[in-house]
Amino acid sequence: MKIKILSESKEVYIESYQRKTVSDILFENSIFVRNECHGNGTCGKCKIRVVKGNLPITEADRRNLTENELQQGIRLACKAHLPVNSEENV
């Protein structure tokens, strides 16, 4: 699986990181997002937007994000896990 990270300053492609959170993947690639709750899913600061593909909505997403944000593909990076055994790119 490949994920493409678009930020204000760069575009990065990262290969297969199944079973890790998006937050961990970003950190391992020196891309930092706010996470004041240290990955507990309580602060709601590590928002990412899925532009292609799908990441399931977690309970932490439902607690911290609006319905509109969820519909726009916004997820919390600290609780977003890449699908296992998927050929889909995110």
N, C-alpha and C. Protein backbone atom coordinates (compact mmCIF):
# COMPACT_ATOMS: atom_id res chain seq x y z
N MET A 1 0.84 -1.18 0.00
CA MET A 1 0.00 0.00 0.00
C MET A 1 0.88 1.24 0.00
N LYS A 2 0.44 2.24 -0.70
CA LYS A 2 1.14 3.53 -0.70
C LYS A 2 0.20 4.58 -0.12
N ILE A 3 0.78 5.48 0.63
CA ILE A 3 0.01 6.65 1.03
C ILE A 3 0.75 7.88 0.53
N LYS A 4 -0.02 8.85 0.14
CA LYS A 4 0.53 10.10 -0.36
C LYS A 4 0.19 11.17 0.65
N ILE A 5 1.20 11.86 1.13
CA ILE A 5 1.02 12.91 2.13
C ILE A 5 1.19 14.26 1.43
N LEU A 6 0.17 15.08 1.51
CA LEU A 6 0.24 16.43 0.96
C LEU A 6 0.17 17.40 2.11
N SER A 7 1.17 18.23 2.21
CA SER A 7 1.14 19.28 3.23
C SER A 7 1.37 20.60 2.52
N GLU A 8 1.35 21.66 3.28
CA GLU A 8 1.56 22.98 2.69
C GLU A 8 2.95 23.10 2.05
N SER A 9 3.92 22.36 2.59
CA SER A 9 5.29 22.53 2.13
C SER A 9 5.83 21.40 1.26
N LYS A 10 5.19 20.22 1.28
CA LYS A 10 5.76 19.13 0.49
C LYS A 10 4.73 18.04 0.17
N GLU A 11 5.14 17.17 -0.73
CA GLU A 11 4.37 16.01 -1.14
C GLU A 11 5.27 14.80 -0.96
N VAL A 12 4.81 13.79 -0.20
CA VAL A 12 5.64 12.64 0.13
C VAL A 12 4.83 11.38 -0.16
N TYR A 13 5.49 10.38 -0.74
CA TYR A 13 4.89 9.06 -0.91
C TYR A 13 5.55 8.11 0.08
N ILE A 14 4.74 7.35 0.78
CA ILE A 14 5.25 6.42 1.79
C ILE A 14 4.70 5.03 1.46
N GLU A 15 5.55 4.03 1.54
CA GLU A 15 5.16 2.65 1.23
C GLU A 15 4.60 1.92 2.45
N SER A 16 3.77 0.98 2.19
CA SER A 16 3.15 -0.01 3.06
C SER A 16 3.49 0.06 4.55
N TYR A 17 2.60 0.59 5.31
CA TYR A 17 2.74 0.67 6.77
C TYR A 17 1.50 0.11 7.45
N GLN A 18 1.09 -1.05 7.04
CA GLN A 18 -0.12 -1.62 7.61
C GLN A 18 0.06 -1.89 9.11
N ARG A 19 -1.03 -1.79 9.81
CA ARG A 19 -1.11 -2.02 11.26
C ARG A 19 -0.49 -0.91 12.11
N LYS A 20 -0.13 0.21 11.50
CA LYS A 20 0.34 1.36 12.25
C LYS A 20 -0.68 2.48 12.09
N THR A 21 -0.66 3.39 13.05
CA THR A 21 -1.54 4.55 12.90
C THR A 21 -0.91 5.53 11.92
N VAL A 22 -1.74 6.34 11.32
CA VAL A 22 -1.24 7.37 10.41
C VAL A 22 -0.31 8.31 11.17
N SER A 23 -0.64 8.61 12.40
CA SER A 23 0.20 9.48 13.23
C SER A 23 1.61 8.89 13.38
N ASP A 24 1.71 7.61 13.65
CA ASP A 24 3.02 6.95 13.77
C ASP A 24 3.78 6.98 12.45
N ILE A 25 3.08 6.73 11.36
CA ILE A 25 3.71 6.75 10.03
C ILE A 25 4.27 8.13 9.73
N LEU A 26 3.48 9.15 10.02
CA LEU A 26 3.94 10.52 9.78
C LEU A 26 5.16 10.83 10.63
N PHE A 27 5.11 10.50 11.90
CA PHE A 27 6.22 10.76 12.82
C PHE A 27 7.50 10.08 12.34
N GLU A 28 7.39 8.81 11.93
CA GLU A 28 8.55 8.05 11.46
C GLU A 28 9.15 8.66 10.20
N ASN A 29 8.38 9.47 9.50
CA ASN A 29 8.86 10.11 8.27
C ASN A 29 9.08 11.60 8.46
N SER A 30 9.28 12.01 9.71
CA SER A 30 9.58 13.40 10.07
C SER A 30 8.52 14.39 9.62
N ILE A 31 7.26 13.94 9.67
CA ILE A 31 6.11 14.82 9.40
C ILE A 31 5.33 14.87 10.70
N PHE A 32 5.24 16.04 11.27
CA PHE A 32 4.69 16.15 12.62
C PHE A 32 3.31 16.81 12.61
N VAL A 33 2.39 16.21 13.33
CA VAL A 33 1.06 16.77 13.53
C VAL A 33 0.86 16.99 15.03
N ARG A 34 0.00 17.92 15.35
CA ARG A 34 -0.26 18.17 16.78
C ARG A 34 -0.90 16.94 17.40
N ASN A 35 -0.45 16.58 18.58
CA ASN A 35 -1.05 15.45 19.31
C ASN A 35 -0.86 15.65 20.81
N GLU A 36 -1.52 16.65 21.30
CA GLU A 36 -1.36 17.01 22.71
C GLU A 36 -1.82 15.92 23.67
N CYS A 37 -2.65 15.01 23.20
CA CYS A 37 -3.10 13.91 24.07
C CYS A 37 -2.21 12.68 23.92
N HIS A 38 -1.13 12.81 23.13
CA HIS A 38 -0.15 11.72 22.93
C HIS A 38 -0.78 10.47 22.34
N GLY A 39 -1.71 10.65 21.42
CA GLY A 39 -2.30 9.52 20.71
C GLY A 39 -3.47 8.86 21.40
N ASN A 40 -4.03 9.51 22.41
CA ASN A 40 -5.17 8.93 23.13
C ASN A 40 -6.52 9.19 22.45
N GLY A 41 -6.52 10.04 21.43
CA GLY A 41 -7.77 10.33 20.71
C GLY A 41 -8.70 11.25 21.47
N THR A 42 -8.15 12.08 22.36
CA THR A 42 -9.01 12.94 23.17
C THR A 42 -8.90 14.42 22.84
N CYS A 43 -7.79 14.86 22.27
CA CYS A 43 -7.63 16.30 22.04
C CYS A 43 -8.22 16.75 20.70
N GLY A 44 -8.27 15.87 19.71
CA GLY A 44 -8.83 16.23 18.41
C GLY A 44 -7.94 17.14 17.58
N LYS A 45 -6.67 17.25 17.89
CA LYS A 45 -5.77 18.18 17.20
C LYS A 45 -5.10 17.58 15.96
N CYS A 46 -5.05 16.26 15.84
CA CYS A 46 -4.29 15.62 14.76
C CYS A 46 -5.17 15.30 13.55
N LYS A 47 -5.95 16.25 13.13
CA LYS A 47 -6.87 16.04 12.02
C LYS A 47 -6.11 15.88 10.70
N ILE A 48 -6.53 14.87 9.95
CA ILE A 48 -6.03 14.66 8.59
C ILE A 48 -7.25 14.53 7.69
N ARG A 49 -7.05 14.71 6.39
CA ARG A 49 -8.16 14.53 5.45
C ARG A 49 -7.78 13.47 4.43
N VAL A 50 -8.63 12.48 4.28
CA VAL A 50 -8.44 11.43 3.29
C VAL A 50 -9.01 11.93 1.98
N VAL A 51 -8.17 12.03 0.95
CA VAL A 51 -8.63 12.53 -0.34
C VAL A 51 -8.91 11.41 -1.32
N LYS A 52 -8.29 10.27 -1.12
CA LYS A 52 -8.53 9.12 -1.97
C LYS A 52 -8.47 7.89 -1.09
N GLY A 53 -9.36 6.96 -1.31
CA GLY A 53 -9.40 5.78 -0.47
C GLY A 53 -10.34 6.02 0.70
N ASN A 54 -10.22 5.19 1.72
CA ASN A 54 -11.14 5.27 2.84
C ASN A 54 -10.45 4.81 4.12
N LEU A 55 -10.69 5.55 5.17
CA LEU A 55 -10.28 5.12 6.50
C LEU A 55 -11.55 5.06 7.34
N PRO A 56 -11.77 3.96 8.05
CA PRO A 56 -12.99 3.83 8.85
C PRO A 56 -13.10 4.94 9.90
N ILE A 57 -14.33 5.27 10.23
CA ILE A 57 -14.60 6.25 11.29
C ILE A 57 -14.50 5.52 12.63
N THR A 58 -13.67 6.07 13.52
CA THR A 58 -13.50 5.47 14.85
C THR A 58 -14.40 6.18 15.86
N GLU A 59 -14.49 5.61 17.04
CA GLU A 59 -15.25 6.24 18.12
C GLU A 59 -14.62 7.58 18.48
N ALA A 60 -13.30 7.65 18.48
CA ALA A 60 -12.60 8.91 18.78
C ALA A 60 -12.94 9.96 17.72
N ASP A 61 -13.04 9.55 16.46
CA ASP A 61 -13.46 10.48 15.40
C ASP A 61 -14.85 11.03 15.71
N ARG A 62 -15.76 10.14 16.07
CA ARG A 62 -17.15 10.57 16.35
C ARG A 62 -17.22 11.54 17.53
N ARG A 63 -16.37 11.33 18.54
CA ARG A 63 -16.37 12.21 19.71
C ARG A 63 -15.78 13.58 19.42
N ASN A 64 -14.79 13.65 18.52
CA ASN A 64 -14.03 14.88 18.33
C ASN A 64 -14.33 15.65 17.05
N LEU A 65 -15.00 15.03 16.10
CA LEU A 65 -15.22 15.66 14.81
C LEU A 65 -16.71 15.86 14.56
N THR A 66 -17.03 16.87 13.77
CA THR A 66 -18.42 17.10 13.41
C THR A 66 -18.84 16.13 12.32
N GLU A 67 -20.12 15.98 12.13
CA GLU A 67 -20.64 15.13 11.06
C GLU A 67 -20.15 15.62 9.71
N ASN A 68 -20.10 16.92 9.53
CA ASN A 68 -19.61 17.51 8.29
C ASN A 68 -18.14 17.13 8.06
N GLU A 69 -17.31 17.21 9.09
CA GLU A 69 -15.90 16.83 8.96
C GLU A 69 -15.78 15.34 8.58
N LEU A 70 -16.57 14.49 9.23
CA LEU A 70 -16.52 13.07 8.91
C LEU A 70 -16.89 12.82 7.45
N GLN A 71 -17.91 13.51 6.96
CA GLN A 71 -18.33 13.36 5.57
C GLN A 71 -17.26 13.85 4.60
N GLN A 72 -16.45 14.81 5.02
CA GLN A 72 -15.37 15.34 4.18
C GLN A 72 -14.11 14.47 4.22
N GLY A 73 -14.13 13.37 4.97
CA GLY A 73 -12.98 12.48 5.06
C GLY A 73 -11.98 12.87 6.12
N ILE A 74 -12.36 13.74 7.04
CA ILE A 74 -11.47 14.13 8.14
C ILE A 74 -11.44 12.98 9.15
N ARG A 75 -10.25 12.64 9.60
CA ARG A 75 -10.05 11.61 10.61
C ARG A 75 -8.97 12.08 11.58
N LEU A 76 -8.89 11.44 12.73
CA LEU A 76 -7.81 11.70 13.68
C LEU A 76 -6.64 10.78 13.33
N ALA A 77 -5.49 11.35 13.07
CA ALA A 77 -4.32 10.57 12.66
C ALA A 77 -3.91 9.57 13.73
N CYS A 78 -4.12 9.91 15.00
CA CYS A 78 -3.68 9.03 16.09
C CYS A 78 -4.52 7.77 16.20
N LYS A 79 -5.70 7.75 15.61
CA LYS A 79 -6.58 6.59 15.69
C LYS A 79 -6.85 5.96 14.33
N ALA A 80 -6.33 6.56 13.26
CA ALA A 80 -6.55 6.05 11.91
C ALA A 80 -5.53 4.96 11.60
N HIS A 81 -6.01 3.76 11.34
CA HIS A 81 -5.15 2.64 10.96
C HIS A 81 -5.36 2.33 9.49
N LEU A 82 -4.27 2.08 8.78
CA LEU A 82 -4.37 1.71 7.39
C LEU A 82 -4.98 0.31 7.29
N PRO A 83 -5.79 0.07 6.27
CA PRO A 83 -6.41 -1.24 6.11
C PRO A 83 -5.36 -2.33 5.93
N VAL A 84 -5.63 -3.51 6.47
CA VAL A 84 -4.73 -4.64 6.33
C VAL A 84 -5.07 -5.37 5.03
N ASN A 85 -4.03 -5.81 4.32
CA ASN A 85 -4.19 -6.59 3.08
C ASN A 85 -5.01 -5.87 2.04
N SER A 86 -4.77 -4.62 1.86
CA SER A 86 -5.50 -3.84 0.87
C SER A 86 -4.57 -3.44 -0.25
N GLU A 87 -5.05 -3.48 -1.47
CA GLU A 87 -4.29 -3.01 -2.61
C GLU A 87 -4.57 -1.53 -2.86
N GLU A 88 -5.49 -0.97 -2.10
CA GLU A 88 -5.91 0.40 -2.30
C GLU A 88 -4.85 1.39 -1.83
N ASN A 89 -4.70 2.46 -2.55
CA ASN A 89 -3.81 3.54 -2.13
C ASN A 89 -4.64 4.58 -1.39
N VAL A 90 -4.04 5.19 -0.40
CA VAL A 90 -4.72 6.21 0.40
C VAL A 90 -4.01 7.53 0.19
